[in-house]
Amino acid sequence: MKNQVLVKPIISEKSERLSGKLGQYSFVVQKTANKLMIKEAVESMYGVTVRRVNTAVMPSKAKVRNTRSGMLKGRVSAYKKAVVTLNEGEELDFFID
């Protein structure tokens, strides 16, 4: 592939809870990627069967930090998130050596 569709997996408390109970895994994906591209990328990279793909564009957020020299203002970039549901009995392991 010219561009990588899957940027990185999202590893948080909520995503771990979803993967344990429902078999759903979250990824940061390219903004131009559609559901079919995401499904093909997950199936080819991890060798699993994807049942469903849900996507959402997460908005950018303003962040403020207090430092010794004063307040620093900045922004966190917007990104596209994909929640991939696998078939029953299948799972992904992100921490393989």
PDB file of N, CA and C in Angstrom:
ATOM      1  N   MET A   1       0.827  -1.183   0.000  1.00  0.00           N
ATOM      2  CA  MET A   1       0.000   0.000   0.000  1.00  0.00           C
ATOM      3  C   MET A   1       0.867   1.240   0.000  1.00  0.00           C
ATOM      4  N   LYS A   2       0.409   2.235  -0.730  1.00  0.00           N
ATOM      5  CA  LYS A   2       1.163   3.477  -0.776  1.00  0.00           C
ATOM      6  C   LYS A   2       1.116   4.173   0.578  1.00  0.00           C
ATOM      7  N   ASN A   3      -0.067   4.293   1.135  1.00  0.00           N
ATOM      8  CA  ASN A   3      -0.225   4.913   2.450  1.00  0.00           C
ATOM      9  C   ASN A   3      -0.753   3.881   3.422  1.00  0.00           C
ATOM     10  N   GLN A   4      -0.348   3.987   4.637  1.00  0.00           N
ATOM     11  CA  GLN A   4      -0.811   3.076   5.678  1.00  0.00           C
ATOM     12  C   GLN A   4      -2.194   3.522   6.136  1.00  0.00           C
ATOM     13  N   VAL A   5      -3.201   2.636   6.064  1.00  0.00           N
ATOM     14  CA  VAL A   5      -4.567   2.977   6.469  1.00  0.00           C
ATOM     15  C   VAL A   5      -4.651   3.045   7.988  1.00  0.00           C
ATOM     16  N   LEU A   6      -4.113   2.034   8.667  1.00  0.00           N
ATOM     17  CA  LEU A   6      -4.119   2.008  10.129  1.00  0.00           C
ATOM     18  C   LEU A   6      -2.906   2.766  10.644  1.00  0.00           C
ATOM     19  N   VAL A   7      -3.136   3.813  11.402  1.00  0.00           N
ATOM     20  CA  VAL A   7      -2.024   4.600  11.945  1.00  0.00           C
ATOM     21  C   VAL A   7      -1.488   3.935  13.206  1.00  0.00           C
ATOM     22  N   LYS A   8      -2.389   3.677  14.187  1.00  0.00           N
ATOM     23  CA  LYS A   8      -1.976   3.019  15.427  1.00  0.00           C
ATOM     24  C   LYS A   8      -3.213   2.539  16.170  1.00  0.00           C
ATOM     25  N   PRO A   9      -3.066   1.526  17.004  1.00  0.00           N
ATOM     26  CA  PRO A   9      -4.204   1.118  17.837  1.00  0.00           C
ATOM     27  C   PRO A   9      -4.374   2.091  19.005  1.00  0.00           C
ATOM     28  N   ILE A  10      -5.602   2.224  19.473  1.00  0.00           N
ATOM     29  CA  ILE A  10      -5.889   3.052  20.639  1.00  0.00           C
ATOM     30  C   ILE A  10      -5.913   2.126  21.848  1.00  0.00           C
ATOM     31  N   ILE A  11      -5.012   2.375  22.783  1.00  0.00           N
ATOM     32  CA  ILE A  11      -4.928   1.553  23.985  1.00  0.00           C
ATOM     33  C   ILE A  11      -5.281   2.432  25.173  1.00  0.00           C
ATOM     34  N   SER A  12      -6.502   2.263  25.652  1.00  0.00           N
ATOM     35  CA  SER A  12      -6.993   3.025  26.796  1.00  0.00           C
ATOM     36  C   SER A  12      -7.860   2.100  27.631  1.00  0.00           C
ATOM     37  N   GLU A  13      -8.327   2.594  28.763  1.00  0.00           N
ATOM     38  CA  GLU A  13      -9.185   1.770  29.620  1.00  0.00           C
ATOM     39  C   GLU A  13     -10.479   1.407  28.907  1.00  0.00           C
ATOM     40  N   LYS A  14     -11.057   2.363  28.218  1.00  0.00           N
ATOM     41  CA  LYS A  14     -12.317   2.096  27.526  1.00  0.00           C
ATOM     42  C   LYS A  14     -12.121   1.088  26.395  1.00  0.00           C
ATOM     43  N   SER A  15     -11.057   1.235  25.618  1.00  0.00           N
ATOM     44  CA  SER A  15     -10.840   0.293  24.515  1.00  0.00           C
ATOM     45  C   SER A  15     -10.523  -1.111  25.032  1.00  0.00           C
ATOM     46  N   GLU A  16      -9.833  -1.213  26.155  1.00  0.00           N
ATOM     47  CA  GLU A  16      -9.565  -2.534  26.741  1.00  0.00           C
ATOM     48  C   GLU A  16     -10.850  -3.179  27.232  1.00  0.00           C
ATOM     49  N   ARG A  17     -11.751  -2.384  27.790  1.00  0.00           N
ATOM     50  CA  ARG A  17     -13.035  -2.902  28.247  1.00  0.00           C
ATOM     51  C   ARG A  17     -13.867  -3.394  27.060  1.00  0.00           C
ATOM     52  N   LEU A  18     -13.875  -2.641  25.969  1.00  0.00           N
ATOM     53  CA  LEU A  18     -14.615  -3.039  24.773  1.00  0.00           C
ATOM     54  C   LEU A  18     -14.053  -4.314  24.157  1.00  0.00           C
ATOM     55  N   SER A  19     -12.738  -4.434  24.133  1.00  0.00           N
ATOM     56  CA  SER A  19     -12.144  -5.629  23.535  1.00  0.00           C
ATOM     57  C   SER A  19     -12.398  -6.863  24.393  1.00  0.00           C
ATOM     58  N   GLY A  20     -12.425  -6.698  25.699  1.00  0.00           N
ATOM     59  CA  GLY A  20     -12.661  -7.835  26.570  1.00  0.00           C
ATOM     60  C   GLY A  20     -14.090  -8.328  26.528  1.00  0.00           C
ATOM     61  N   LYS A  21     -15.055  -7.406  26.527  1.00  0.00           N
ATOM     62  CA  LYS A  21     -16.463  -7.795  26.593  1.00  0.00           C
ATOM     63  C   LYS A  21     -17.078  -8.067  25.231  1.00  0.00           C
ATOM     64  N   LEU A  22     -16.832  -7.192  24.268  1.00  0.00           N
ATOM     65  CA  LEU A  22     -17.562  -7.236  23.003  1.00  0.00           C
ATOM     66  C   LEU A  22     -16.722  -7.628  21.792  1.00  0.00           C
ATOM     67  N   GLY A  23     -15.422  -7.771  21.939  1.00  0.00           N
ATOM     68  CA  GLY A  23     -14.569  -8.090  20.792  1.00  0.00           C
ATOM     69  C   GLY A  23     -14.414  -6.922  19.839  1.00  0.00           C
ATOM     70  N   GLN A  24     -14.415  -5.688  20.384  1.00  0.00           N
ATOM     71  CA  GLN A  24     -14.249  -4.491  19.570  1.00  0.00           C
ATOM     72  C   GLN A  24     -12.881  -3.878  19.846  1.00  0.00           C
ATOM     73  N   TYR A  25     -12.198  -3.480  18.770  1.00  0.00           N
ATOM     74  CA  TYR A  25     -10.858  -2.906  18.879  1.00  0.00           C
ATOM     75  C   TYR A  25     -10.845  -1.552  18.196  1.00  0.00           C
ATOM     76  N   SER A  26     -10.154  -0.572  18.802  1.00  0.00           N
ATOM     77  CA  SER A  26     -10.140   0.805  18.309  1.00  0.00           C
ATOM     78  C   SER A  26      -8.800   1.127  17.666  1.00  0.00           C
ATOM     79  N   PHE A  27      -8.859   1.868  16.556  1.00  0.00           N
ATOM     80  CA  PHE A  27      -7.659   2.276  15.821  1.00  0.00           C
ATOM     81  C   PHE A  27      -7.777   3.733  15.431  1.00  0.00           C
ATOM     82  N   VAL A  28      -6.629   4.421  15.357  1.00  0.00           N
ATOM     83  CA  VAL A  28      -6.548   5.710  14.694  1.00  0.00           C
ATOM     84  C   VAL A  28      -6.248   5.398  13.238  1.00  0.00           C
ATOM     85  N   VAL A  29      -7.044   5.955  12.321  1.00  0.00           N
ATOM     86  CA  VAL A  29      -6.887   5.666  10.896  1.00  0.00           C
ATOM     87  C   VAL A  29      -6.720   6.970  10.132  1.00  0.00           C
ATOM     88  N   GLN A  30      -6.343   6.850   8.867  1.00  0.00           N
ATOM     89  CA  GLN A  30      -6.232   8.035   8.025  1.00  0.00           C
ATOM     90  C   GLN A  30      -7.593   8.663   7.825  1.00  0.00           C
ATOM     91  N   LYS A  31      -7.622   9.980   7.697  1.00  0.00           N
ATOM     92  CA  LYS A  31      -8.908  10.668   7.520  1.00  0.00           C
ATOM     93  C   LYS A  31      -9.570  10.302   6.203  1.00  0.00           C
ATOM     94  N   THR A  32      -8.810   9.910   5.207  1.00  0.00           N
ATOM     95  CA  THR A  32      -9.379   9.589   3.896  1.00  0.00           C
ATOM     96  C   THR A  32      -9.833   8.140   3.786  1.00  0.00           C
ATOM     97  N   ALA A  33      -9.589   7.330   4.812  1.00  0.00           N
ATOM     98  CA  ALA A  33      -9.930   5.908   4.756  1.00  0.00           C
ATOM     99  C   ALA A  33     -11.427   5.706   4.948  1.00  0.00           C
ATOM    100  N   ASN A  34     -12.005   4.794   4.146  1.00  0.00           N
ATOM    101  CA  ASN A  34     -13.407   4.457   4.338  1.00  0.00           C
ATOM    102  C   ASN A  34     -13.505   3.104   5.035  1.00  0.00           C
ATOM    103  N   LYS A  35     -14.731   2.656   5.315  1.00  0.00           N
ATOM    104  CA  LYS A  35     -14.930   1.441   6.094  1.00  0.00           C
ATOM    105  C   LYS A  35     -14.392   0.196   5.394  1.00  0.00           C
ATOM    106  N   LEU A  36     -14.536   0.130   4.080  1.00  0.00           N
ATOM    107  CA  LEU A  36     -14.028  -1.035   3.338  1.00  0.00           C
ATOM    108  C   LEU A  36     -12.502  -1.104   3.388  1.00  0.00           C
ATOM    109  N   MET A  37     -11.850   0.046   3.256  1.00  0.00           N
ATOM    110  CA  MET A  37     -10.386   0.072   3.327  1.00  0.00           C
ATOM    111  C   MET A  37      -9.908  -0.353   4.716  1.00  0.00           C
ATOM    112  N   ILE A  38     -10.603   0.094   5.756  1.00  0.00           N
ATOM    113  CA  ILE A  38     -10.227  -0.253   7.126  1.00  0.00           C
ATOM    114  C   ILE A  38     -10.412  -1.746   7.358  1.00  0.00           C
ATOM    115  N   LYS A  39     -11.522  -2.300   6.882  1.00  0.00           N
ATOM    116  CA  LYS A  39     -11.797  -3.727   7.037  1.00  0.00           C
ATOM    117  C   LYS A  39     -10.716  -4.567   6.362  1.00  0.00           C
ATOM    118  N   GLU A  40     -10.363  -4.223   5.126  1.00  0.00           N
ATOM    119  CA  GLU A  40      -9.327  -4.969   4.402  1.00  0.00           C
ATOM    120  C   GLU A  40      -7.977  -4.867   5.095  1.00  0.00           C
ATOM    121  N   ALA A  41      -7.652  -3.684   5.623  1.00  0.00           N
ATOM    122  CA  ALA A  41      -6.362  -3.502   6.282  1.00  0.00           C
ATOM    123  C   ALA A  41      -6.255  -4.342   7.551  1.00  0.00           C
ATOM    124  N   VAL A  42      -7.322  -4.366   8.362  1.00  0.00           N
ATOM    125  CA  VAL A  42      -7.300  -5.149   9.606  1.00  0.00           C
ATOM    126  C   VAL A  42      -7.236  -6.635   9.288  1.00  0.00           C
ATOM    127  N   GLU A  43      -8.025  -7.086   8.307  1.00  0.00           N
ATOM    128  CA  GLU A  43      -8.027  -8.507   7.964  1.00  0.00           C
ATOM    129  C   GLU A  43      -6.684  -8.962   7.414  1.00  0.00           C
ATOM    130  N   SER A  44      -6.039  -8.155   6.587  1.00  0.00           N
ATOM    131  CA  SER A  44      -4.747  -8.558   6.026  1.00  0.00           C
ATOM    132  C   SER A  44      -3.614  -8.461   7.044  1.00  0.00           C
ATOM    133  N   MET A  45      -3.663  -7.457   7.925  1.00  0.00           N
ATOM    134  CA  MET A  45      -2.574  -7.268   8.881  1.00  0.00           C
ATOM    135  C   MET A  45      -2.624  -8.279  10.028  1.00  0.00           C
ATOM    136  N   TYR A  46      -3.814  -8.578  10.519  1.00  0.00           N
ATOM    137  CA  TYR A  46      -3.939  -9.418  11.703  1.00  0.00           C
ATOM    138  C   TYR A  46      -4.485 -10.812  11.416  1.00  0.00           C
ATOM    139  N   GLY A  47      -4.966 -11.089  10.202  1.00  0.00           N
ATOM    140  CA  GLY A  47      -5.451 -12.415   9.857  1.00  0.00           C
ATOM    141  C   GLY A  47      -6.722 -12.809  10.590  1.00  0.00           C
ATOM    142  N   VAL A  48      -7.644 -11.879  10.765  1.00  0.00           N
ATOM    143  CA  VAL A  48      -8.925 -12.142  11.441  1.00  0.00           C
ATOM    144  C   VAL A  48     -10.061 -11.765  10.493  1.00  0.00           C
ATOM    145  N   THR A  49     -11.289 -12.121  10.861  1.00  0.00           N
ATOM    146  CA  THR A  49     -12.465 -11.768  10.075  1.00  0.00           C
ATOM    147  C   THR A  49     -13.210 -10.643  10.777  1.00  0.00           C
ATOM    148  N   VAL A  50     -13.419  -9.545  10.066  1.00  0.00           N
ATOM    149  CA  VAL A  50     -14.086  -8.367  10.621  1.00  0.00           C
ATOM    150  C   VAL A  50     -15.575  -8.460  10.320  1.00  0.00           C
ATOM    151  N   ARG A  51     -16.392  -8.292  11.359  1.00  0.00           N
ATOM    152  CA  ARG A  51     -17.842  -8.313  11.192  1.00  0.00           C
ATOM    153  C   ARG A  51     -18.384  -6.920  10.873  1.00  0.00           C
ATOM    154  N   ARG A  52     -17.875  -5.889  11.580  1.00  0.00           N
ATOM    155  CA  ARG A  52     -18.437  -4.550  11.434  1.00  0.00           C
ATOM    156  C   ARG A  52     -17.354  -3.502  11.701  1.00  0.00           C
ATOM    157  N   VAL A  53     -17.472  -2.349  11.026  1.00  0.00           N
ATOM    158  CA  VAL A  53     -16.558  -1.225  11.238  1.00  0.00           C
ATOM    159  C   VAL A  53     -17.393   0.027  11.474  1.00  0.00           C
ATOM    160  N   ASN A  54     -17.152   0.713  12.583  1.00  0.00           N
ATOM    161  CA  ASN A  54     -17.778   2.001  12.880  1.00  0.00           C
ATOM    162  C   ASN A  54     -16.685   3.063  12.902  1.00  0.00           C
ATOM    163  N   THR A  55     -16.959   4.225  12.314  1.00  0.00           N
ATOM    164  CA  THR A  55     -15.961   5.291  12.268  1.00  0.00           C
ATOM    165  C   THR A  55     -16.528   6.566  12.866  1.00  0.00           C
ATOM    166  N   ALA A  56     -15.618   7.412  13.353  1.00  0.00           N
ATOM    167  CA  ALA A  56     -15.988   8.726  13.888  1.00  0.00           C
ATOM    168  C   ALA A  56     -14.787   9.651  13.735  1.00  0.00           C
ATOM    169  N   VAL A  57     -15.053  10.889  13.375  1.00  0.00           N
ATOM    170  CA  VAL A  57     -13.997  11.895  13.309  1.00  0.00           C
ATOM    171  C   VAL A  57     -14.003  12.631  14.641  1.00  0.00           C
ATOM    172  N   MET A  58     -12.923  12.474  15.380  1.00  0.00           N
ATOM    173  CA  MET A  58     -12.807  13.101  16.690  1.00  0.00           C
ATOM    174  C   MET A  58     -12.318  14.543  16.498  1.00  0.00           C
ATOM    175  N   PRO A  59     -12.993  15.523  17.092  1.00  0.00           N
ATOM    176  CA  PRO A  59     -12.626  16.920  16.865  1.00  0.00           C
ATOM    177  C   PRO A  59     -11.324  17.301  17.570  1.00  0.00           C
ATOM    178  N   SER A  60     -10.715  18.385  17.084  1.00  0.00           N
ATOM    179  CA  SER A  60      -9.521  18.888  17.748  1.00  0.00           C
ATOM    180  C   SER A  60      -9.926  19.554  19.052  1.00  0.00           C
ATOM    181  N   LYS A  61      -8.985  19.610  19.990  1.00  0.00           N
ATOM    182  CA  LYS A  61      -9.274  20.174  21.303  1.00  0.00           C
ATOM    183  C   LYS A  61      -8.209  21.202  21.669  1.00  0.00           C
ATOM    184  N   ALA A  62      -8.638  22.237  22.362  1.00  0.00           N
ATOM    185  CA  ALA A  62      -7.710  23.233  22.875  1.00  0.00           C
ATOM    186  C   ALA A  62      -7.175  22.740  24.217  1.00  0.00           C
ATOM    187  N   LYS A  63      -5.877  22.840  24.414  1.00  0.00           N
ATOM    188  CA  LYS A  63      -5.249  22.424  25.659  1.00  0.00           C
ATOM    189  C   LYS A  63      -4.491  23.601  26.248  1.00  0.00           C
ATOM    190  N   VAL A  64      -4.511  23.715  27.571  1.00  0.00           N
ATOM    191  CA  VAL A  64      -3.799  24.776  28.276  1.00  0.00           C
ATOM    192  C   VAL A  64      -2.956  24.139  29.363  1.00  0.00           C
ATOM    193  N   ARG A  65      -1.691  24.577  29.454  1.00  0.00           N
ATOM    194  CA  ARG A  65      -0.774  24.078  30.480  1.00  0.00           C
ATOM    195  C   ARG A  65      -0.240  25.237  31.281  1.00  0.00           C
ATOM    196  N   ASN A  66      -0.202  25.073  32.583  1.00  0.00           N
ATOM    197  CA  ASN A  66       0.403  26.091  33.439  1.00  0.00           C
ATOM    198  C   ASN A  66       1.865  25.733  33.653  1.00  0.00           C
ATOM    199  N   THR A  67       2.748  26.674  33.361  1.00  0.00           N
ATOM    200  CA  THR A  67       4.176  26.470  33.556  1.00  0.00           C
ATOM    201  C   THR A  67       4.729  27.621  34.388  1.00  0.00           C
ATOM    202  N   ARG A  68       6.012  27.551  34.662  1.00  0.00           N
ATOM    203  CA  ARG A  68       6.663  28.598  35.434  1.00  0.00           C
ATOM    204  C   ARG A  68       6.626  29.941  34.711  1.00  0.00           C
ATOM    205  N   SER A  69       6.737  29.885  33.395  1.00  0.00           N
ATOM    206  CA  SER A  69       6.765  31.124  32.621  1.00  0.00           C
ATOM    207  C   SER A  69       5.377  31.604  32.225  1.00  0.00           C
ATOM    208  N   GLY A  70       4.327  30.912  32.637  1.00  0.00           N
ATOM    209  CA  GLY A  70       2.968  31.342  32.322  1.00  0.00           C
ATOM    210  C   GLY A  70       2.164  30.219  31.688  1.00  0.00           C
ATOM    211  N   MET A  71       1.051  30.577  31.121  1.00  0.00           N
ATOM    212  CA  MET A  71       0.178  29.595  30.504  1.00  0.00           C
ATOM    213  C   MET A  71       0.572  29.369  29.055  1.00  0.00           C
ATOM    214  N   LEU A  72       0.660  28.102  28.664  1.00  0.00           N
ATOM    215  CA  LEU A  72       0.931  27.745  27.281  1.00  0.00           C
ATOM    216  C   LEU A  72      -0.349  27.201  26.672  1.00  0.00           C
ATOM    217  N   LYS A  73      -0.752  27.767  25.549  1.00  0.00           N
ATOM    218  CA  LYS A  73      -1.963  27.335  24.877  1.00  0.00           C
ATOM    219  C   LYS A  73      -1.584  26.591  23.597  1.00  0.00           C
ATOM    220  N   GLY A  74      -2.338  25.564  23.297  1.00  0.00           N
ATOM    221  CA  GLY A  74      -2.074  24.790  22.091  1.00  0.00           C
ATOM    222  C   GLY A  74      -3.310  24.009  21.692  1.00  0.00           C
ATOM    223  N   ARG A  75      -3.162  23.179  20.667  1.00  0.00           N
ATOM    224  CA  ARG A  75      -4.264  22.370  20.174  1.00  0.00           C
ATOM    225  C   ARG A  75      -3.798  20.939  19.958  1.00  0.00           C
ATOM    226  N   VAL A  76      -4.714  20.007  20.145  1.00  0.00           N
ATOM    227  CA  VAL A  76      -4.493  18.610  19.801  1.00  0.00           C
ATOM    228  C   VAL A  76      -5.227  18.387  18.485  1.00  0.00           C
ATOM    229  N   SER A  77      -4.553  17.839  17.504  1.00  0.00           N
ATOM    230  CA  SER A  77      -5.118  17.681  16.172  1.00  0.00           C
ATOM    231  C   SER A  77      -6.325  16.751  16.162  1.00  0.00           C
ATOM    232  N   ALA A  78      -7.205  16.963  15.200  1.00  0.00           N
ATOM    233  CA  ALA A  78      -8.345  16.074  14.989  1.00  0.00           C
ATOM    234  C   ALA A  78      -7.845  14.789  14.333  1.00  0.00           C
ATOM    235  N   TYR A  79      -8.569  13.689  14.569  1.00  0.00           N
ATOM    236  CA  TYR A  79      -8.205  12.413  13.964  1.00  0.00           C
ATOM    237  C   TYR A  79      -9.452  11.588  13.727  1.00  0.00           C
ATOM    238  N   LYS A  80      -9.316  10.565  12.899  1.00  0.00           N
ATOM    239  CA  LYS A  80     -10.425   9.660  12.619  1.00  0.00           C
ATOM    240  C   LYS A  80     -10.203   8.378  13.396  1.00  0.00           C
ATOM    241  N   LYS A  81     -11.263   7.924  14.064  1.00  0.00           N
ATOM    242  CA  LYS A  81     -11.193   6.725  14.891  1.00  0.00           C
ATOM    243  C   LYS A  81     -12.086   5.658  14.280  1.00  0.00           C
ATOM    244  N   ALA A  82     -11.612   4.419  14.267  1.00  0.00           N
ATOM    245  CA  ALA A  82     -12.399   3.293  13.781  1.00  0.00           C
ATOM    246  C   ALA A  82     -12.519   2.262  14.893  1.00  0.00           C
ATOM    247  N   VAL A  83     -13.746   1.798  15.138  1.00  0.00           N
ATOM    248  CA  VAL A  83     -13.990   0.721  16.092  1.00  0.00           C
ATOM    249  C   VAL A  83     -14.368  -0.508  15.268  1.00  0.00           C
ATOM    250  N   VAL A  84     -13.521  -1.534  15.330  1.00  0.00           N
ATOM    251  CA  VAL A  84     -13.665  -2.734  14.512  1.00  0.00           C
ATOM    252  C   VAL A  84     -14.205  -3.854  15.389  1.00  0.00           C
ATOM    253  N   THR A  85     -15.309  -4.482  14.961  1.00  0.00           N
ATOM    254  CA  THR A  85     -15.882  -5.616  15.669  1.00  0.00           C
ATOM    255  C   THR A  85     -15.497  -6.894  14.939  1.00  0.00           C
ATOM    256  N   LEU A  86     -14.939  -7.850  15.665  1.00  0.00           N
ATOM    257  CA  LEU A  86     -14.524  -9.122  15.082  1.00  0.00           C
ATOM    258  C   LEU A  86     -15.604 -10.177  15.274  1.00  0.00           C
ATOM    259  N   ASN A  87     -15.492 -11.264  14.511  1.00  0.00           N
ATOM    260  CA  ASN A  87     -16.409 -12.392  14.679  1.00  0.00           C
ATOM    261  C   ASN A  87     -16.200 -13.045  16.037  1.00  0.00           C
ATOM    262  N   GLU A  88     -17.188 -13.818  16.481  1.00  0.00           N
ATOM    263  CA  GLU A  88     -17.125 -14.501  17.773  1.00  0.00           C
ATOM    264  C   GLU A  88     -15.893 -15.399  17.853  1.00  0.00           C
ATOM    265  N   GLY A  89     -15.215 -15.357  18.994  1.00  0.00           N
ATOM    266  CA  GLY A  89     -14.074 -16.236  19.233  1.00  0.00           C
ATOM    267  C   GLY A  89     -12.753 -15.741  18.688  1.00  0.00           C
ATOM    268  N   GLU A  90     -12.732 -14.620  17.973  1.00  0.00           N
ATOM    269  CA  GLU A  90     -11.474 -14.083  17.445  1.00  0.00           C
ATOM    270  C   GLU A  90     -11.032 -12.905  18.296  1.00  0.00           C
ATOM    271  N   GLU A  91      -9.703 -12.724  18.386  1.00  0.00           N
ATOM    272  CA  GLU A  91      -9.171 -11.602  19.154  1.00  0.00           C
ATOM    273  C   GLU A  91      -7.855 -11.149  18.569  1.00  0.00           C
ATOM    274  N   LEU A  92      -7.468  -9.932  18.897  1.00  0.00           N
ATOM    275  CA  LEU A  92      -6.194  -9.349  18.474  1.00  0.00           C
ATOM    276  C   LEU A  92      -5.285  -9.223  19.676  1.00  0.00           C
ATOM    277  N   ASP A  93      -3.992  -9.373  19.445  1.00  0.00           N
ATOM    278  CA  ASP A  93      -3.007  -9.140  20.492  1.00  0.00           C
ATOM    279  C   ASP A  93      -2.008  -8.143  19.982  1.00  0.00           C
ATOM    280  N   PHE A  94      -2.056  -6.926  20.534  1.00  0.00           N
ATOM    281  CA  PHE A  94      -1.171  -5.841  20.088  1.00  0.00           C
ATOM    282  C   PHE A  94       0.237  -5.970  20.651  1.00  0.00           C
ATOM    283  N   PHE A  95       0.417  -6.788  21.682  1.00  0.00           N
ATOM    284  CA  PHE A  95       1.691  -6.832  22.393  1.00  0.00           C
ATOM    285  C   PHE A  95       2.484  -8.093  22.050  1.00  0.00           C
ATOM    286  N   ILE A  96       2.501  -8.458  20.769  1.00  0.00           N
ATOM    287  CA  ILE A  96       3.277  -9.608  20.319  1.00  0.00           C
ATOM    288  C   ILE A  96       4.705  -9.145  20.029  1.00  0.00           C
ATOM    289  N   ASP A  97       5.678  -9.931  20.447  1.00  0.00           N
ATOM    290  CA  ASP A  97       7.085  -9.569  20.196  1.00  0.00           C
ATOM    291  C   ASP A  97       7.420  -9.644  18.735  1.00  0.00           C
TER     292      ASP A  97
END
